[in-house]
PDB file of N, CA and C in Angstrom:
ATOM      1  N   MET A   1    -107.079  41.506 -54.504  1.00  0.00           N
ATOM      2  CA  MET A   1    -107.184  40.142 -54.022  1.00  0.00           C
ATOM      3  C   MET A   1    -108.335  40.071 -53.026  1.00  0.00           C
ATOM      4  N   LYS A   2    -108.992  38.945 -53.012  1.00  0.00           N
ATOM      5  CA  LYS A   2    -110.139  38.802 -52.128  1.00  0.00           C
ATOM      6  C   LYS A   2    -109.684  38.691 -50.676  1.00  0.00           C
ATOM      7  N   ALA A   3    -110.488  39.216 -49.798  1.00  0.00           N
ATOM      8  CA  ALA A   3    -110.128  39.264 -48.381  1.00  0.00           C
ATOM      9  C   ALA A   3    -109.992  37.868 -47.790  1.00  0.00           C
ATOM     10  N   TRP A   4    -110.832  36.932 -48.210  1.00  0.00           N
ATOM     11  CA  TRP A   4    -110.763  35.581 -47.640  1.00  0.00           C
ATOM     12  C   TRP A   4    -109.478  34.875 -48.049  1.00  0.00           C
ATOM     13  N   LEU A   5    -108.966  35.182 -49.249  1.00  0.00           N
ATOM     14  CA  LEU A   5    -107.718  34.586 -49.697  1.00  0.00           C
ATOM     15  C   LEU A   5    -106.530  35.119 -48.891  1.00  0.00           C
ATOM     16  N   VAL A   6    -106.557  36.408 -48.625  1.00  0.00           N
ATOM     17  CA  VAL A   6    -105.510  37.007 -47.788  1.00  0.00           C
ATOM     18  C   VAL A   6    -105.569  36.422 -46.388  1.00  0.00           C
ATOM     19  N   PHE A   7    -106.769  36.310 -45.839  1.00  0.00           N
ATOM     20  CA  PHE A   7    -106.921  35.737 -44.509  1.00  0.00           C
ATOM     21  C   PHE A   7    -106.410  34.302 -44.472  1.00  0.00           C
ATOM     22  N   ALA A   8    -106.754  33.502 -45.479  1.00  0.00           N
ATOM     23  CA  ALA A   8    -106.308  32.109 -45.526  1.00  0.00           C
ATOM     24  C   ALA A   8    -104.787  32.014 -45.621  1.00  0.00           C
ATOM     25  N   ALA A   9    -104.180  32.872 -46.433  1.00  0.00           N
ATOM     26  CA  ALA A   9    -102.725  32.858 -46.571  1.00  0.00           C
ATOM     27  C   ALA A   9    -102.038  33.233 -45.266  1.00  0.00           C
ATOM     28  N   VAL A  10    -102.550  34.254 -44.603  1.00  0.00           N
ATOM     29  CA  VAL A  10    -101.969  34.667 -43.322  1.00  0.00           C
ATOM     30  C   VAL A  10    -102.155  33.575 -42.279  1.00  0.00           C
ATOM     31  N   PHE A  11    -103.310  32.942 -42.266  1.00  0.00           N
ATOM     32  CA  PHE A  11    -103.563  31.860 -41.314  1.00  0.00           C
ATOM     33  C   PHE A  11    -102.599  30.696 -41.522  1.00  0.00           C
ATOM     34  N   VAL A  12    -102.408  30.303 -42.761  1.00  0.00           N
ATOM     35  CA  VAL A  12    -101.503  29.185 -43.048  1.00  0.00           C
ATOM     36  C   VAL A  12    -100.073  29.541 -42.652  1.00  0.00           C
ATOM     37  N   MET A  13     -99.649  30.762 -42.953  1.00  0.00           N
ATOM     38  CA  MET A  13     -98.280  31.163 -42.620  1.00  0.00           C
ATOM     39  C   MET A  13     -98.045  31.232 -41.118  1.00  0.00           C
ATOM     40  N   THR A  14     -99.068  31.585 -40.361  1.00  0.00           N
ATOM     41  CA  THR A  14     -98.872  31.676 -38.910  1.00  0.00           C
ATOM     42  C   THR A  14     -99.119  30.351 -38.206  1.00  0.00           C
ATOM     43  N   ALA A  15     -99.958  29.488 -38.769  1.00  0.00           N
ATOM     44  CA  ALA A  15    -100.276  28.222 -38.118  1.00  0.00           C
ATOM     45  C   ALA A  15     -99.263  27.131 -38.452  1.00  0.00           C
ATOM     46  N   ALA A  16     -98.697  27.160 -39.629  1.00  0.00           N
ATOM     47  CA  ALA A  16     -97.799  26.085 -40.064  1.00  0.00           C
ATOM     48  C   ALA A  16     -96.570  25.932 -39.162  1.00  0.00           C
ATOM     49  N   PRO A  17     -95.872  27.001 -38.789  1.00  0.00           N
ATOM     50  CA  PRO A  17     -94.704  26.808 -37.927  1.00  0.00           C
ATOM     51  C   PRO A  17     -95.066  26.225 -36.559  1.00  0.00           C
ATOM     52  N   ARG A  18     -96.252  26.527 -36.080  1.00  0.00           N
ATOM     53  CA  ARG A  18     -96.652  25.989 -34.782  1.00  0.00           C
ATOM     54  C   ARG A  18     -96.966  24.507 -34.873  1.00  0.00           C
ATOM     55  N   LEU A  19     -97.435  24.060 -36.029  1.00  0.00           N
ATOM     56  CA  LEU A  19     -97.768  22.655 -36.204  1.00  0.00           C
ATOM     57  C   LEU A  19     -96.525  21.800 -36.434  1.00  0.00           C
ATOM     58  N   ALA A  20     -95.505  22.364 -37.020  1.00  0.00           N
ATOM     59  CA  ALA A  20     -94.290  21.606 -37.330  1.00  0.00           C
ATOM     60  C   ALA A  20     -93.320  21.713 -36.160  1.00  0.00           C
ATOM     61  N   GLU A  21     -93.172  20.634 -35.430  1.00  0.00           N
ATOM     62  CA  GLU A  21     -92.270  20.653 -34.285  1.00  0.00           C
ATOM     63  C   GLU A  21     -90.842  20.319 -34.678  1.00  0.00           C
ATOM     64  N   ALA A  22     -90.672  19.506 -35.696  1.00  0.00           N
ATOM     65  CA  ALA A  22     -89.339  19.106 -36.118  1.00  0.00           C
ATOM     66  C   ALA A  22     -89.430  18.512 -37.513  1.00  0.00           C
ATOM     67  N   CYS A  23     -88.284  18.175 -38.050  1.00  0.00           N
ATOM     68  CA  CYS A  23     -88.296  17.492 -39.336  1.00  0.00           C
ATOM     69  C   CYS A  23     -88.905  16.101 -39.145  1.00  0.00           C
ATOM     70  N   PRO A  24     -89.422  15.466 -40.192  1.00  0.00           N
ATOM     71  CA  PRO A  24     -90.075  14.169 -40.040  1.00  0.00           C
ATOM     72  C   PRO A  24     -89.170  13.104 -39.418  1.00  0.00           C
ATOM     73  N   PHE A  25     -87.895  13.131 -39.741  1.00  0.00           N
ATOM     74  CA  PHE A  25     -86.986  12.136 -39.174  1.00  0.00           C
ATOM     75  C   PHE A  25     -86.850  12.322 -37.667  1.00  0.00           C
ATOM     76  N   CYS A  26     -86.651  13.564 -37.240  1.00  0.00           N
ATOM     77  CA  CYS A  26     -86.462  13.831 -35.809  1.00  0.00           C
ATOM     78  C   CYS A  26     -87.755  13.618 -35.024  1.00  0.00           C
ATOM     79  N   ALA A  27     -88.889  13.938 -35.621  1.00  0.00           N
ATOM     80  CA  ALA A  27     -90.156  13.790 -34.918  1.00  0.00           C
ATOM     81  C   ALA A  27     -90.516  12.322 -34.728  1.00  0.00           C
ATOM     82  N   GLY A  28     -90.014  11.449 -35.596  1.00  0.00           N
ATOM     83  CA  GLY A  28     -90.357  10.033 -35.510  1.00  0.00           C
ATOM     84  C   GLY A  28     -89.485   9.227 -34.587  1.00  0.00           C
ATOM     85  N   THR A  29     -88.448   9.811 -34.044  1.00  0.00           N
ATOM     86  CA  THR A  29     -87.541   9.061 -33.178  1.00  0.00           C
ATOM     87  C   THR A  29     -87.585   9.616 -31.763  1.00  0.00           C
ATOM     88  N   ASN A  30     -87.458   8.725 -30.808  1.00  0.00           N
ATOM     89  CA  ASN A  30     -87.427   9.150 -29.404  1.00  0.00           C
ATOM     90  C   ASN A  30     -86.006   9.309 -28.893  1.00  0.00           C
ATOM     91  N   ASP A  31     -85.106   8.488 -29.407  1.00  0.00           N
ATOM     92  CA  ASP A  31     -83.718   8.565 -28.943  1.00  0.00           C
ATOM     93  C   ASP A  31     -82.909   9.466 -29.875  1.00  0.00           C
ATOM     94  N   GLY A  32     -81.782   9.895 -29.397  1.00  0.00           N
ATOM     95  CA  GLY A  32     -80.916  10.756 -30.188  1.00  0.00           C
ATOM     96  C   GLY A  32     -80.238   9.978 -31.288  1.00  0.00           C
ATOM     97  N   GLY A  33     -79.060   9.516 -31.024  1.00  0.00           N
ATOM     98  CA  GLY A  33     -78.341   8.706 -31.989  1.00  0.00           C
ATOM     99  C   GLY A  33     -77.638   9.526 -33.048  1.00  0.00           C
ATOM    100  N   ILE A  34     -76.746   8.851 -33.740  1.00  0.00           N
ATOM    101  CA  ILE A  34     -75.943   9.509 -34.768  1.00  0.00           C
ATOM    102  C   ILE A  34     -76.779   9.852 -35.992  1.00  0.00           C
ATOM    103  N   GLY A  35     -77.832   9.081 -36.249  1.00  0.00           N
ATOM    104  CA  GLY A  35     -78.677   9.341 -37.416  1.00  0.00           C
ATOM    105  C   GLY A  35     -79.308  10.707 -37.388  1.00  0.00           C
ATOM    106  N   ARG A  36     -79.733  11.124 -36.223  1.00  0.00           N
ATOM    107  CA  ARG A  36     -80.346  12.446 -36.088  1.00  0.00           C
ATOM    108  C   ARG A  36     -79.340  13.540 -36.449  1.00  0.00           C
ATOM    109  N   TYR A  37     -78.125  13.401 -35.982  1.00  0.00           N
ATOM    110  CA  TYR A  37     -77.106  14.414 -36.277  1.00  0.00           C
ATOM    111  C   TYR A  37     -76.707  14.401 -37.749  1.00  0.00           C
ATOM    112  N   LEU A  38     -76.720  13.229 -38.363  1.00  0.00           N
ATOM    113  CA  LEU A  38     -76.413  13.153 -39.790  1.00  0.00           C
ATOM    114  C   LEU A  38     -77.497  13.841 -40.624  1.00  0.00           C
ATOM    115  N   VAL A  39     -78.749  13.629 -40.272  1.00  0.00           N
ATOM    116  CA  VAL A  39     -79.845  14.262 -41.007  1.00  0.00           C
ATOM    117  C   VAL A  39     -79.817  15.775 -40.806  1.00  0.00           C
ATOM    118  N   ILE A  40     -79.614  16.222 -39.591  1.00  0.00           N
ATOM    119  CA  ILE A  40     -79.541  17.664 -39.333  1.00  0.00           C
ATOM    120  C   ILE A  40     -78.349  18.271 -40.062  1.00  0.00           C
ATOM    121  N   GLY A  41     -77.226  17.582 -40.050  1.00  0.00           N
ATOM    122  CA  GLY A  41     -76.047  18.054 -40.780  1.00  0.00           C
ATOM    123  C   GLY A  41     -76.299  18.148 -42.278  1.00  0.00           C
ATOM    124  N   ALA A  42     -77.005  17.164 -42.813  1.00  0.00           N
ATOM    125  CA  ALA A  42     -77.337  17.198 -44.240  1.00  0.00           C
ATOM    126  C   ALA A  42     -78.265  18.366 -44.549  1.00  0.00           C
ATOM    127  N   MET A  43     -79.213  18.634 -43.661  1.00  0.00           N
ATOM    128  CA  MET A  43     -80.135  19.750 -43.887  1.00  0.00           C
ATOM    129  C   MET A  43     -79.393  21.088 -43.806  1.00  0.00           C
ATOM    130  N   VAL A  44     -78.403  21.181 -42.949  1.00  0.00           N
ATOM    131  CA  VAL A  44     -77.632  22.416 -42.828  1.00  0.00           C
ATOM    132  C   VAL A  44     -76.692  22.577 -44.021  1.00  0.00           C
ATOM    133  N   PHE A  45     -76.110  21.480 -44.505  1.00  0.00           N
ATOM    134  CA  PHE A  45     -75.107  21.525 -45.564  1.00  0.00           C
ATOM    135  C   PHE A  45     -75.716  21.732 -46.950  1.00  0.00           C
ATOM    136  N   THR A  46     -76.972  21.346 -47.153  1.00  0.00           N
ATOM    137  CA  THR A  46     -77.593  21.377 -48.474  1.00  0.00           C
ATOM    138  C   THR A  46     -77.585  22.764 -49.128  1.00  0.00           C
ATOM    139  N   PRO A  47     -77.927  23.854 -48.441  1.00  0.00           N
ATOM    140  CA  PRO A  47     -77.882  25.165 -49.119  1.00  0.00           C
ATOM    141  C   PRO A  47     -76.478  25.545 -49.581  1.00  0.00           C
ATOM    142  N   PHE A  48     -75.468  25.178 -48.822  1.00  0.00           N
ATOM    143  CA  PHE A  48     -74.103  25.492 -49.225  1.00  0.00           C
ATOM    144  C   PHE A  48     -73.695  24.677 -50.449  1.00  0.00           C
ATOM    145  N   LEU A  49     -74.128  23.433 -50.508  1.00  0.00           N
ATOM    146  CA  LEU A  49     -73.862  22.601 -51.668  1.00  0.00           C
ATOM    147  C   LEU A  49     -74.554  23.162 -52.901  1.00  0.00           C
ATOM    148  N   ALA A  50     -75.793  23.585 -52.746  1.00  0.00           N
ATOM    149  CA  ALA A  50     -76.524  24.169 -53.872  1.00  0.00           C
ATOM    150  C   ALA A  50     -75.837  25.450 -54.356  1.00  0.00           C
ATOM    151  N   ALA A  51     -75.369  26.272 -53.435  1.00  0.00           N
ATOM    152  CA  ALA A  51     -74.670  27.502 -53.813  1.00  0.00           C
ATOM    153  C   ALA A  51     -73.354  27.191 -54.513  1.00  0.00           C
ATOM    154  N   ALA A  52     -72.652  26.175 -54.039  1.00  0.00           N
ATOM    155  CA  ALA A  52     -71.374  25.800 -54.653  1.00  0.00           C
ATOM    156  C   ALA A  52     -71.570  25.274 -56.067  1.00  0.00           C
ATOM    157  N   ILE A  53     -72.707  24.672 -56.340  1.00  0.00           N
ATOM    158  CA  ILE A  53     -72.978  24.160 -57.676  1.00  0.00           C
ATOM    159  C   ILE A  53     -73.530  25.265 -58.576  1.00  0.00           C
ATOM    160  N   CYS A  54     -74.432  26.086 -58.067  1.00  0.00           N
ATOM    161  CA  CYS A  54     -75.115  27.084 -58.889  1.00  0.00           C
ATOM    162  C   CYS A  54     -74.269  28.317 -59.169  1.00  0.00           C
ATOM    163  N   ALA A  55     -73.468  28.753 -58.234  1.00  0.00           N
ATOM    164  CA  ALA A  55     -72.699  29.987 -58.417  1.00  0.00           C
ATOM    165  C   ALA A  55     -71.770  29.920 -59.630  1.00  0.00           C
ATOM    166  N   PRO A  56     -70.974  28.869 -59.796  1.00  0.00           N
ATOM    167  CA  PRO A  56     -70.129  28.824 -61.003  1.00  0.00           C
ATOM    168  C   PRO A  56     -70.935  28.780 -62.300  1.00  0.00           C
ATOM    169  N   LEU A  57     -72.080  28.112 -62.277  1.00  0.00           N
ATOM    170  CA  LEU A  57     -72.912  28.059 -63.478  1.00  0.00           C
ATOM    171  C   LEU A  57     -73.463  29.432 -63.841  1.00  0.00           C
ATOM    172  N   VAL A  58     -73.882  30.184 -62.835  1.00  0.00           N
ATOM    173  CA  VAL A  58     -74.402  31.529 -63.086  1.00  0.00           C
ATOM    174  C   VAL A  58     -73.284  32.441 -63.562  1.00  0.00           C
ATOM    175  N   ILE A  59     -72.127  32.363 -62.942  1.00  0.00           N
ATOM    176  CA  ILE A  59     -70.991  33.193 -63.346  1.00  0.00           C
ATOM    177  C   ILE A  59     -70.595  32.880 -64.779  1.00  0.00           C
ATOM    178  N   ARG A  60     -70.558  31.595 -65.135  1.00  0.00           N
ATOM    179  CA  ARG A  60     -70.211  31.198 -66.497  1.00  0.00           C
ATOM    180  C   ARG A  60     -71.242  31.727 -67.495  1.00  0.00           C
ATOM    181  N   ALA A  61     -72.512  31.661 -67.151  1.00  0.00           N
ATOM    182  CA  ALA A  61     -73.559  32.153 -68.049  1.00  0.00           C
ATOM    183  C   ALA A  61     -73.471  33.665 -68.234  1.00  0.00           C
ATOM    184  N   VAL A  62     -73.163  34.380 -67.155  1.00  0.00           N
ATOM    185  CA  VAL A  62     -73.031  35.837 -67.253  1.00  0.00           C
ATOM    186  C   VAL A  62     -71.836  36.194 -68.119  1.00  0.00           C
ATOM    187  N   ARG A  63     -70.725  35.510 -67.945  1.00  0.00           N
ATOM    188  CA  ARG A  63     -69.541  35.792 -68.766  1.00  0.00           C
ATOM    189  C   ARG A  63     -69.813  35.498 -70.230  1.00  0.00           C
ATOM    190  N   ARG A  64     -70.507  34.396 -70.498  1.00  0.00           N
ATOM    191  CA  ARG A  64     -70.823  34.040 -71.874  1.00  0.00           C
ATOM    192  C   ARG A  64     -71.741  35.092 -72.502  1.00  0.00           C
ATOM    193  N   THR A  65     -72.708  35.575 -71.738  1.00  0.00           N
ATOM    194  CA  THR A  65     -73.607  36.612 -72.247  1.00  0.00           C
ATOM    195  C   THR A  65     -72.858  37.909 -72.505  1.00  0.00           C
ATOM    196  N   ASP A  66     -71.934  38.264 -71.604  1.00  0.00           N
ATOM    197  CA  ASP A  66     -71.140  39.475 -71.795  1.00  0.00           C
ATOM    198  C   ASP A  66     -70.247  39.367 -73.043  1.00  0.00           C
ATOM    199  N   GLU A  67     -69.658  38.190 -73.257  1.00  0.00           N
ATOM    200  CA  GLU A  67     -68.801  37.992 -74.432  1.00  0.00           C
ATOM    201  C   GLU A  67     -69.605  38.066 -75.720  1.00  0.00           C
ATOM    202  N   GLU A  68     -70.810  37.501 -75.696  1.00  0.00           N
ATOM    203  CA  GLU A  68     -71.639  37.545 -76.909  1.00  0.00           C
ATOM    204  C   GLU A  68     -72.115  38.960 -77.202  1.00  0.00           C
ATOM    205  N   SER A  69     -72.418  39.731 -76.169  1.00  0.00           N
ATOM    206  CA  SER A  69     -72.914  41.089 -76.394  1.00  0.00           C
ATOM    207  C   SER A  69     -71.785  42.037 -76.807  1.00  0.00           C
ATOM    208  N   SER A  70     -70.543  41.741 -76.408  1.00  0.00           N
ATOM    209  CA  SER A  70     -69.437  42.613 -76.770  1.00  0.00           C
ATOM    210  C   SER A  70     -68.844  42.238 -78.128  1.00  0.00           C
ATOM    211  N   GLY A  71     -69.224  41.079 -78.682  1.00  0.00           N
ATOM    212  CA  GLY A  71     -68.785  40.690 -80.011  1.00  0.00           C
ATOM    213  C   GLY A  71     -67.444  40.001 -80.049  1.00  0.00           C
ATOM    214  N   LYS A  72     -66.980  39.455 -78.957  1.00  0.00           N
ATOM    215  CA  LYS A  72     -65.682  38.763 -78.944  1.00  0.00           C
ATOM    216  C   LYS A  72     -65.801  37.401 -79.544  1.00  0.00           C
TER     217      LYS A  72
END
């Protein structure tokens, strides 16, 4: 890989967190309010929701593949 590409990637990875102070919703508001807590709660809850939806689908696909390979 070219050295300038590596340098650019490292620069972006180190500069981006410093530029982002908060999520767009939180950065645009001066007061607290319930909306801020709802958005933060949604951001925290989203990975768990995705896992709850994807895990059964992956398990079902693995079981189906195992059944097909064993000839049942």
